[in-house]
Amino acid sequence: MKILLIEDEVRVSSFIKKGLEEQGEEVMQAFDGQTGLNLACQ
């Protein structure tokens, strides 16, 4: 499963991303809404 993670707190985002990747998920990470929207539209 591909997951788009949008979180402005870098430490929180990295913690969540690591946990998801350990479960075998593919995670795209963005630290602001505009970047997240751009990734979602790709």
PDB file of N, CA and C in Angstrom:
ATOM      1  N   MET A   1       0.849  -1.172   0.000  1.00  0.00           N
ATOM      2  CA  MET A   1       0.000   0.000   0.000  1.00  0.00           C
ATOM      3  C   MET A   1       0.895   1.236   0.000  1.00  0.00           C
ATOM      4  N   LYS A   2       0.514   2.231  -0.766  1.00  0.00           N
ATOM      5  CA  LYS A   2       1.219   3.509  -0.772  1.00  0.00           C
ATOM      6  C   LYS A   2       0.498   4.468   0.172  1.00  0.00           C
ATOM      7  N   ILE A   3       1.265   5.134   1.015  1.00  0.00           N
ATOM      8  CA  ILE A   3       0.707   6.063   1.991  1.00  0.00           C
ATOM      9  C   ILE A   3       1.378   7.415   1.823  1.00  0.00           C
ATOM     10  N   LEU A   4       0.574   8.469   1.795  1.00  0.00           N
ATOM     11  CA  LEU A   4       1.092   9.835   1.772  1.00  0.00           C
ATOM     12  C   LEU A   4       0.964  10.391   3.180  1.00  0.00           C
ATOM     13  N   LEU A   5       2.088  10.692   3.788  1.00  0.00           N
ATOM     14  CA  LEU A   5       2.144  11.200   5.153  1.00  0.00           C
ATOM     15  C   LEU A   5       2.465  12.691   5.106  1.00  0.00           C
ATOM     16  N   ILE A   6       1.540  13.514   5.586  1.00  0.00           N
ATOM     17  CA  ILE A   6       1.742  14.962   5.626  1.00  0.00           C
ATOM     18  C   ILE A   6       1.740  15.388   7.087  1.00  0.00           C
ATOM     19  N   GLU A   7       2.893  15.835   7.554  1.00  0.00           N
ATOM     20  CA  GLU A   7       3.061  16.234   8.956  1.00  0.00           C
ATOM     21  C   GLU A   7       4.184  17.262   9.020  1.00  0.00           C
ATOM     22  N   ASP A   8       3.917  18.403   9.651  1.00  0.00           N
ATOM     23  CA  ASP A   8       4.923  19.464   9.676  1.00  0.00           C
ATOM     24  C   ASP A   8       5.982  19.281  10.760  1.00  0.00           C
ATOM     25  N   GLU A   9       5.744  18.421  11.719  1.00  0.00           N
ATOM     26  CA  GLU A   9       6.747  18.133  12.750  1.00  0.00           C
ATOM     27  C   GLU A   9       7.650  17.005  12.241  1.00  0.00           C
ATOM     28  N   VAL A  10       8.897  17.340  11.947  1.00  0.00           N
ATOM     29  CA  VAL A  10       9.811  16.385  11.319  1.00  0.00           C
ATOM     30  C   VAL A  10      10.012  15.139  12.180  1.00  0.00           C
ATOM     31  N   ARG A  11      10.188  15.313  13.475  1.00  0.00           N
ATOM     32  CA  ARG A  11      10.428  14.156  14.351  1.00  0.00           C
ATOM     33  C   ARG A  11       9.209  13.230  14.400  1.00  0.00           C
ATOM     34  N   VAL A  12       8.021  13.808  14.476  1.00  0.00           N
ATOM     35  CA  VAL A  12       6.792  13.007  14.502  1.00  0.00           C
ATOM     36  C   VAL A  12       6.630  12.271  13.176  1.00  0.00           C
ATOM     37  N   SER A  13       6.837  12.987  12.080  1.00  0.00           N
ATOM     38  CA  SER A  13       6.698  12.403  10.754  1.00  0.00           C
ATOM     39  C   SER A  13       7.675  11.245  10.554  1.00  0.00           C
ATOM     40  N   SER A  14       8.911  11.437  10.962  1.00  0.00           N
ATOM     41  CA  SER A  14       9.922  10.386  10.809  1.00  0.00           C
ATOM     42  C   SER A  14       9.576   9.157  11.638  1.00  0.00           C
ATOM     43  N   PHE A  15       9.053   9.362  12.844  1.00  0.00           N
ATOM     44  CA  PHE A  15       8.648   8.260  13.718  1.00  0.00           C
ATOM     45  C   PHE A  15       7.519   7.450  13.076  1.00  0.00           C
ATOM     46  N   ILE A  16       6.516   8.149  12.562  1.00  0.00           N
ATOM     47  CA  ILE A  16       5.381   7.473  11.921  1.00  0.00           C
ATOM     48  C   ILE A  16       5.837   6.742  10.667  1.00  0.00           C
ATOM     49  N   LYS A  17       6.651   7.420   9.856  1.00  0.00           N
ATOM     50  CA  LYS A  17       7.139   6.826   8.613  1.00  0.00           C
ATOM     51  C   LYS A  17       7.922   5.546   8.894  1.00  0.00           C
ATOM     52  N   LYS A  18       8.795   5.583   9.880  1.00  0.00           N
ATOM     53  CA  LYS A  18       9.592   4.406  10.223  1.00  0.00           C
ATOM     54  C   LYS A  18       8.695   3.233  10.611  1.00  0.00           C
ATOM     55  N   GLY A  19       7.691   3.497  11.438  1.00  0.00           N
ATOM     56  CA  GLY A  19       6.775   2.441  11.851  1.00  0.00           C
ATOM     57  C   GLY A  19       6.014   1.840  10.687  1.00  0.00           C
ATOM     58  N   LEU A  20       5.552   2.686   9.784  1.00  0.00           N
ATOM     59  CA  LEU A  20       4.816   2.194   8.618  1.00  0.00           C
ATOM     60  C   LEU A  20       5.716   1.375   7.699  1.00  0.00           C
ATOM     61  N   GLU A  21       6.944   1.852   7.488  1.00  0.00           N
ATOM     62  CA  GLU A  21       7.872   1.121   6.629  1.00  0.00           C
ATOM     63  C   GLU A  21       8.254  -0.223   7.242  1.00  0.00           C
ATOM     64  N   GLU A  22       8.350  -0.289   8.558  1.00  0.00           N
ATOM     65  CA  GLU A  22       8.634  -1.569   9.218  1.00  0.00           C
ATOM     66  C   GLU A  22       7.506  -2.573   8.999  1.00  0.00           C
ATOM     67  N   GLN A  23       6.303  -2.073   8.728  1.00  0.00           N
ATOM     68  CA  GLN A  23       5.155  -2.938   8.440  1.00  0.00           C
ATOM     69  C   GLN A  23       5.048  -3.260   6.946  1.00  0.00           C
ATOM     70  N   GLY A  24       6.011  -2.769   6.152  1.00  0.00           N
ATOM     71  CA  GLY A  24       6.046  -3.081   4.730  1.00  0.00           C
ATOM     72  C   GLY A  24       5.327  -2.093   3.835  1.00  0.00           C
ATOM     73  N   GLU A  25       4.920  -0.967   4.392  1.00  0.00           N
ATOM     74  CA  GLU A  25       4.205   0.036   3.599  1.00  0.00           C
ATOM     75  C   GLU A  25       5.192   0.944   2.859  1.00  0.00           C
ATOM     76  N   GLU A  26       4.775   1.453   1.712  1.00  0.00           N
ATOM     77  CA  GLU A  26       5.550   2.439   0.955  1.00  0.00           C
ATOM     78  C   GLU A  26       5.036   3.822   1.354  1.00  0.00           C
ATOM     79  N   VAL A  27       5.917   4.662   1.881  1.00  0.00           N
ATOM     80  CA  VAL A  27       5.504   5.943   2.443  1.00  0.00           C
ATOM     81  C   VAL A  27       6.155   7.097   1.692  1.00  0.00           C
ATOM     82  N   MET A  28       5.316   8.017   1.212  1.00  0.00           N
ATOM     83  CA  MET A  28       5.793   9.295   0.683  1.00  0.00           C
ATOM     84  C   MET A  28       5.581  10.320   1.789  1.00  0.00           C
ATOM     85  N   GLN A  29       6.549  11.189   1.976  1.00  0.00           N
ATOM     86  CA  GLN A  29       6.532  12.099   3.116  1.00  0.00           C
ATOM     87  C   GLN A  29       6.552  13.545   2.635  1.00  0.00           C
ATOM     88  N   ALA A  30       5.694  14.364   3.242  1.00  0.00           N
ATOM     89  CA  ALA A  30       5.669  15.804   2.967  1.00  0.00           C
ATOM     90  C   ALA A  30       5.545  16.532   4.297  1.00  0.00           C
ATOM     91  N   PHE A  31       6.164  17.707   4.360  1.00  0.00           N
ATOM     92  CA  PHE A  31       6.171  18.468   5.605  1.00  0.00           C
ATOM     93  C   PHE A  31       5.264  19.689   5.565  1.00  0.00           C
ATOM     94  N   ASP A  32       4.545  19.855   4.452  1.00  0.00           N
ATOM     95  CA  ASP A  32       3.559  20.940   4.372  1.00  0.00           C
ATOM     96  C   ASP A  32       2.465  20.541   3.390  1.00  0.00           C
ATOM     97  N   GLY A  33       1.344  21.223   3.499  1.00  0.00           N
ATOM     98  CA  GLY A  33       0.176  20.875   2.704  1.00  0.00           C
ATOM     99  C   GLY A  33       0.373  21.006   1.209  1.00  0.00           C
ATOM    100  N   GLN A  34       1.054  22.051   0.782  1.00  0.00           N
ATOM    101  CA  GLN A  34       1.251  22.265  -0.656  1.00  0.00           C
ATOM    102  C   GLN A  34       2.088  21.145  -1.263  1.00  0.00           C
ATOM    103  N   THR A  35       3.155  20.783  -0.591  1.00  0.00           N
ATOM    104  CA  THR A  35       3.983  19.680  -1.076  1.00  0.00           C
ATOM    105  C   THR A  35       3.189  18.378  -1.076  1.00  0.00           C
ATOM    106  N   GLY A  36       2.391  18.167  -0.039  1.00  0.00           N
ATOM    107  CA  GLY A  36       1.545  16.981   0.026  1.00  0.00           C
ATOM    108  C   GLY A  36       0.557  16.921  -1.122  1.00  0.00           C
ATOM    109  N   LEU A  37      -0.049  18.055  -1.431  1.00  0.00           N
ATOM    110  CA  LEU A  37      -0.987  18.123  -2.550  1.00  0.00           C
ATOM    111  C   LEU A  37      -0.284  17.808  -3.862  1.00  0.00           C
ATOM    112  N   ASN A  38       0.908  18.354  -4.047  1.00  0.00           N
ATOM    113  CA  ASN A  38       1.672  18.077  -5.265  1.00  0.00           C
ATOM    114  C   ASN A  38       1.990  16.589  -5.389  1.00  0.00           C
ATOM    115  N   LEU A  39       2.384  15.964  -4.297  1.00  0.00           N
ATOM    116  CA  LEU A  39       2.673  14.527  -4.326  1.00  0.00           C
ATOM    117  C   LEU A  39       1.415  13.714  -4.615  1.00  0.00           C
ATOM    118  N   ALA A  40       0.295  14.116  -4.046  1.00  0.00           N
ATOM    119  CA  ALA A  40      -0.963  13.396  -4.253  1.00  0.00           C
ATOM    120  C   ALA A  40      -1.421  13.471  -5.708  1.00  0.00           C
ATOM    121  N   CYS A  41      -1.096  14.553  -6.375  1.00  0.00           N
ATOM    122  CA  CYS A  41      -1.537  14.750  -7.764  1.00  0.00           C
ATOM    123  C   CYS A  41      -0.620  14.075  -8.777  1.00  0.00           C
ATOM    124  N   GLN A  42       0.474  13.499  -8.337  1.00  0.00           N
ATOM    125  CA  GLN A  42       1.412  12.847  -9.268  1.00  0.00           C
ATOM    126  C   GLN A  42       0.892  11.507  -9.714  1.00  0.00           C
TER     127      GLN A  42
END
